[in-house]
Protein backbone atom coordinates (compact mmCIF):
# COMPACT_ATOMS: atom_id res chain seq x y z
CA MET A 1 -0.22 -0.05 -0.03
CA LYS A 2 2.79 2.33 0.81
CA GLY A 3 4.11 1.50 -2.53
CA GLY A 4 0.77 2.38 -4.36
CA ALA A 5 0.28 5.74 -2.56
CA LEU A 6 3.69 6.79 -3.52
CA ALA A 7 3.02 5.96 -7.03
CA SER A 8 -0.11 7.98 -7.13
CA LEU A 9 1.39 10.92 -5.68
CA ALA A 10 4.06 10.79 -8.19
CA LEU A 11 1.74 10.72 -11.16
CA VAL A 12 -0.12 13.86 -9.56
CA VAL A 13 3.36 15.62 -9.31
CA ALA A 14 4.11 14.65 -12.72
CA GLY A 15 0.99 15.97 -14.33
CA ILE A 16 -0.40 12.45 -15.49
CA ALA A 17 -4.13 12.67 -14.60
CA SER A 18 -7.34 10.37 -15.17
CA PRO A 19 -9.57 10.79 -17.88
CA ALA A 20 -12.18 12.81 -15.73
CA PHE A 21 -9.63 14.86 -14.60
CA ALA A 22 -8.40 15.67 -18.15
CA THR A 23 -11.88 16.27 -19.32
CA ALA A 24 -12.35 18.88 -16.51
CA GLN A 25 -9.20 20.76 -17.79
CA THR A 26 -10.24 20.73 -21.32
CA VAL A 27 -13.54 22.31 -20.64
CA GLN A 28 -12.07 24.91 -18.30
CA ALA A 29 -9.38 25.90 -21.10
CA ALA A 30 -12.34 26.41 -23.82
CA GLU A 31 -14.22 28.48 -21.26
CA THR A 32 -11.11 30.74 -20.69
CA VAL A 33 -10.42 31.20 -24.54
CA ARG A 34 -14.18 31.97 -25.13
CA THR A 35 -14.33 34.71 -22.74
CA ALA A 36 -11.16 36.18 -23.21
CA SER A 37 -11.05 39.67 -24.58
CA PRO A 38 -9.10 40.53 -27.70
CA ALA A 39 -6.61 42.39 -25.61
CA GLY A 40 -6.46 39.03 -23.59
CA GLY A 41 -7.86 38.20 -20.42
CA GLY A 42 -11.29 39.24 -18.87
CA ASP A 43 -14.88 38.79 -20.01
CA CYS A 44 -15.47 40.72 -23.60
CA LYS A 45 -19.22 40.96 -22.91
CA ALA A 46 -18.46 42.82 -19.79
CA GLU A 47 -16.55 45.44 -21.82
CA GLU A 48 -19.17 45.80 -24.36
CA ASP A 49 -21.20 49.00 -24.31
CA SER A 50 -24.79 49.32 -23.29
CA THR A 51 -25.72 48.93 -26.88
CA TRP A 52 -24.55 45.20 -26.86
CA ASP A 53 -27.35 42.71 -27.42
CA PRO A 54 -26.95 38.90 -27.33
CA ARG A 55 -29.79 38.45 -29.75
CA ALA A 56 -27.80 40.47 -32.30
CA VAL A 57 -24.51 38.82 -32.04
CA GLY A 58 -24.92 37.57 -35.67
CA ALA A 59 -25.55 41.10 -36.96
CA GLN A 60 -22.60 42.21 -34.77
CA ALA A 61 -20.02 40.02 -35.70
CA GLY A 62 -17.14 41.18 -37.45
CA PRO A 63 -16.16 39.92 -41.01
CA ARG A 64 -14.86 36.67 -39.43
CA GLY A 65 -18.25 35.91 -38.17
CA GLY A 66 -19.14 33.64 -35.29
CA ASP A 67 -17.44 35.28 -32.61
CA GLU A 68 -19.57 37.39 -30.22
CA CYS A 69 -16.42 39.40 -29.23
CA GLU A 70 -15.75 40.79 -32.63
CA GLY A 71 -15.59 44.71 -32.95
CA LYS A 72 -18.89 46.58 -33.47
CA ARG A 73 -20.14 47.14 -37.21
CA GLY A 74 -18.83 50.14 -38.88
CA PRO A 75 -20.90 53.12 -40.48
CA THR A 76 -22.64 52.37 -43.61
CA GLY A 77 -20.92 52.78 -46.97
CA PRO A 78 -21.83 55.51 -49.50
CA THR A 79 -24.69 54.54 -51.76
CA GLY A 80 -23.62 52.78 -54.86
CA PRO A 81 -24.18 54.14 -58.44
CA ARG A 82 -27.69 54.13 -59.90
CA GLY A 83 -28.37 51.10 -61.91
CA PRO A 84 -29.54 51.30 -65.67
CA GLN A 85 -33.05 52.19 -66.36
CA GLY A 86 -35.69 49.68 -66.49
CA GLU A 87 -37.78 48.88 -69.68
CA PRO A 88 -40.73 51.05 -70.23
CA GLY A 89 -43.97 49.60 -68.81
CA GLU A 90 -47.02 48.81 -70.79
CA ASP A 91 -49.26 51.78 -71.79
CA GLY A 92 -52.28 52.40 -69.29
CA GLN A 93 -55.98 52.49 -70.36
CA ASP A 94 -57.19 55.29 -72.14
CA GLY A 95 -59.14 57.85 -69.86
CA ALA A 96 -62.85 58.65 -70.11
CA THR A 97 -63.81 60.98 -72.87
CA GLY A 98 -64.22 64.43 -71.61
CA ALA A 99 -67.57 66.71 -71.57
CA THR A 100 -68.28 68.38 -74.95
CA GLY A 101 -67.36 72.02 -74.66
CA ALA A 102 -69.78 74.90 -75.37
CA THR A 103 -70.55 75.65 -79.03
CA GLY A 104 -68.50 78.59 -80.31
CA ALA A 105 -69.72 81.81 -81.41
CA THR A 106 -70.88 81.80 -85.37
CA GLY A 107 -68.52 83.46 -87.68
CA ALA A 108 -69.27 86.24 -89.81
CA THR A 109 -70.74 85.58 -93.30
CA GLY A 110 -68.21 85.44 -96.05
CA ALA A 111 -68.38 87.56 -99.28
CA THR A 112 -70.49 86.27 -102.04
CA GLY A 113 -68.52 84.17 -104.53
CA ALA A 114 -68.41 84.64 -108.30
CA GLY A 115 -71.14 82.60 -110.02
CA ALA A 116 -73.47 82.91 -106.94
CA CYS A 117 -76.02 84.87 -108.76
CA VAL A 118 -78.66 83.46 -111.28
CA ASP A 119 -81.24 85.48 -113.38
CA VAL A 120 -83.25 85.01 -116.49
CA ASP A 121 -85.41 87.36 -118.98
CA ALA A 122 -87.45 86.88 -121.66
CA VAL A 123 -89.15 88.73 -124.87
CA ARG A 124 -91.65 87.98 -127.34
CA ASP A 125 -92.65 90.55 -129.58
CA ASN A 126 -94.75 88.49 -132.15
CA ASN A 127 -96.36 84.90 -132.19
CA ASP A 128 -93.68 83.09 -134.10
CA ARG A 129 -90.72 83.17 -132.22
CA GLU A 130 -89.05 83.98 -128.45
CA PHE A 131 -85.67 85.15 -127.24
CA LYS A 132 -84.23 84.68 -123.79
CA ALA A 133 -81.14 85.85 -121.78
CA ALA A 134 -80.00 83.46 -118.92
CA LEU A 135 -77.28 83.93 -116.10
CA THR A 136 -76.25 80.49 -114.63
CA PRO A 137 -74.53 79.66 -111.49
CA ASP A 138 -71.33 79.19 -113.09
CA GLY A 139 -71.33 82.94 -113.85
CA ILE A 140 -72.10 82.23 -118.03
CA THR A 141 -74.55 84.40 -119.58
CA TYR A 142 -76.28 83.00 -122.53
CA ALA A 143 -78.64 84.43 -125.32
CA GLY A 144 -81.23 82.13 -126.83
CA VAL A 145 -83.95 81.96 -129.58
CA ARG A 146 -86.71 79.32 -130.67
CA GLU A 147 -89.53 79.06 -132.99
CA ILE A 148 -93.08 79.11 -132.05
CA GLN A 149 -95.59 78.17 -134.62
CA ASN A 150 -98.99 77.92 -133.39
CA THR A 151 -99.20 75.05 -130.95
CA THR A 152 -95.59 73.88 -132.04
CA VAL A 153 -92.62 75.03 -130.09
CA GLY A 154 -89.17 74.41 -131.28
CA PRO A 155 -86.09 73.66 -129.01
CA TRP A 156 -84.00 76.51 -127.59
CA ILE A 157 -80.87 77.71 -129.48
CA TRP A 158 -78.26 78.90 -127.07
CA TYR A 159 -75.24 81.38 -127.43
CA ASP A 160 -72.43 81.49 -124.98
CA LEU A 161 -71.62 85.18 -124.83
CA THR A 162 -68.42 84.84 -122.51
CA THR A 163 -66.44 82.97 -124.71
CA ASN A 164 -64.67 86.05 -126.83
CA GLU A 165 -61.43 86.10 -125.05
CA GLU A 166 -61.24 89.86 -126.03
CA GLY A 167 -64.99 90.55 -125.26
CA ASP A 168 -64.36 92.11 -121.63
CA TYR A 169 -66.99 90.15 -119.92
CA PRO A 170 -67.54 91.58 -116.66
CA THR A 171 -66.66 89.90 -113.44
CA GLY A 172 -69.11 89.40 -111.00
CA ALA A 173 -72.48 89.44 -113.13
CA CYS A 174 -75.33 88.93 -111.02
CA GLY A 175 -78.33 90.07 -113.21
CA VAL A 176 -79.48 89.86 -116.69
CA SER A 177 -82.04 91.53 -118.95
CA ILE A 178 -83.24 91.39 -122.70
CA GLY A 179 -84.63 93.69 -125.20
CA HIS A 180 -85.48 93.44 -128.94
CA GLN A 181 -85.94 95.76 -131.95
CA ALA A 182 -85.84 95.47 -135.67
CA ASN A 183 -84.23 92.02 -135.33
CA ARG A 184 -81.43 93.44 -133.00
CA LEU A 185 -81.00 91.88 -129.53
CA VAL A 186 -79.63 93.87 -126.51
CA ILE A 187 -78.38 91.71 -123.66
CA GLU A 188 -77.37 93.55 -120.51
CA VAL A 189 -76.01 92.34 -117.00
CA ILE A 190 -75.46 94.27 -113.70
CA THR A 191 -72.72 93.47 -111.38
CA VAL A 192 -72.49 92.75 -107.62
CA GLY A 193 -70.58 96.23 -107.52
CA GLY A 194 -73.75 97.58 -109.44
CA GLU A 195 -71.92 98.42 -112.78
CA ILE A 196 -74.14 97.68 -116.03
CA TRP A 197 -72.65 96.11 -118.92
CA GLU A 198 -74.20 95.44 -122.44
CA THR A 199 -73.65 93.41 -125.68
CA PHE A 200 -75.68 92.90 -128.85
CA CYS A 201 -76.65 90.17 -130.92
CA ASP A 202 -78.09 90.33 -134.83
CA VAL A 203 -81.29 88.22 -135.62
CA ASN A 204 -80.97 86.24 -138.88
CA PRO A 205 -84.54 85.04 -139.56
CA GLY A 206 -84.97 81.84 -140.91
CA THR A 207 -86.50 78.41 -140.05
CA PRO A 208 -85.37 78.49 -137.30
CA ASP A 209 -83.97 81.80 -136.60
CA GLN A 210 -80.47 82.26 -135.72
CA LEU A 211 -78.15 84.77 -133.81
CA GLU A 212 -74.97 86.17 -134.64
CA CYS A 213 -73.21 87.51 -131.28
CA ASP A 214 -69.54 88.52 -130.82
CA GLY A 215 -69.76 88.47 -127.09
CA VAL A 216 -68.14 92.19 -127.11
CA TRP A 217 -69.23 93.96 -123.54
CA ASN A 218 -69.21 97.57 -122.83
CA ASP A 219 -69.98 99.37 -119.83
CA ALA A 220 -73.23 101.85 -119.74
CA VAL A 221 -72.05 105.53 -120.03
CA PRO A 222 -72.68 107.03 -117.60
CA GLN A 223 -73.27 104.42 -114.76
CA PRO A 224 -75.82 105.30 -112.28
CA ASN A 225 -74.65 107.11 -109.19
CA PRO A 226 -76.24 107.97 -105.98
CA GLY A 227 -78.06 111.28 -106.21
CA ASP A 228 -78.81 111.37 -109.77
CA PRO A 229 -81.60 113.95 -110.46
CA PRO A 230 -85.09 112.40 -111.17
CA PRO A 231 -86.47 112.54 -114.53
CA LEU A 232 -87.98 116.24 -115.20
CA ARG A 233 -91.51 116.97 -114.62
CA THR A 234 -93.66 119.41 -116.62
CA HIS A 235 -94.98 122.22 -114.72
CA ALA A 236 -98.22 122.75 -116.83
CA GLN A 237 -101.33 123.32 -115.02
CA PRO A 238 -103.41 120.18 -114.51
CA ILE A 239 -106.72 119.71 -116.59
CA ARG A 240 -109.85 120.55 -114.50
CA PRO A 241 -113.09 119.15 -115.45
CA MET A 242 -115.16 121.88 -117.33
CA ASP A 243 -118.55 123.35 -116.03
CA PRO A 244 -121.35 121.96 -118.37
CA ASN A 245 -122.88 125.32 -118.11
CA HIS A 246 -119.95 126.77 -120.19
CA LEU A 247 -119.73 124.13 -122.77
CA PRO A 248 -120.75 124.91 -126.39
CA LYS A 249 -124.27 124.56 -127.42
CA ALA A 250 -123.42 121.74 -129.71
CA LEU A 251 -121.95 119.59 -126.69
CA LYS A 252 -124.92 120.52 -124.54
């Protein structure tokens, strides 16, 4: 027994321990390393400031990760550059149609255009023929003639009085008239400006009658003007009824 006791004491002195004794030393060493501060020694948790939160250990861990004794997270870095623009989105749906606006004011009436006037005139000086002048919407003036034999009425024969390029046909003709005497016709028009123009046609009797018109137009001289004096009137005394008592004996 003495020999055994001495042997055990020798083992303790030499640092040789049992398995249980070795395990206890390992646990104590691990705890000592885990609680050591970066400066060595002491509890790192105790040296943390009041903002340390054991639930945020993962968020507070440094770049080496996993060690709750790492330093605090540094400030947020600057914002990175803006990414490229995305693809345009789809067009939205059309909005509802707005209410109809108020009706605008009616504009002024425009000037009367050329050819807007129409007119017709006729003359029949005997029972076998008729003459007519017509102003159509296109601004053309015509002279016409037709035969009339009892109940037989012939077709109209028309003559365009505006085809003579040197005839000086008036612009803006708006009214027409015709006259006849001794186989000669006079056709007159009045313009929108109030000017009177005239041309002549000769009548060639036949079956049917025909017209010879050169389409040369001349303005009336003088033209009518405001303030022209009226026709002169005679100043003779009016005829008064005669007293029957003064009639001659032959008329009594």
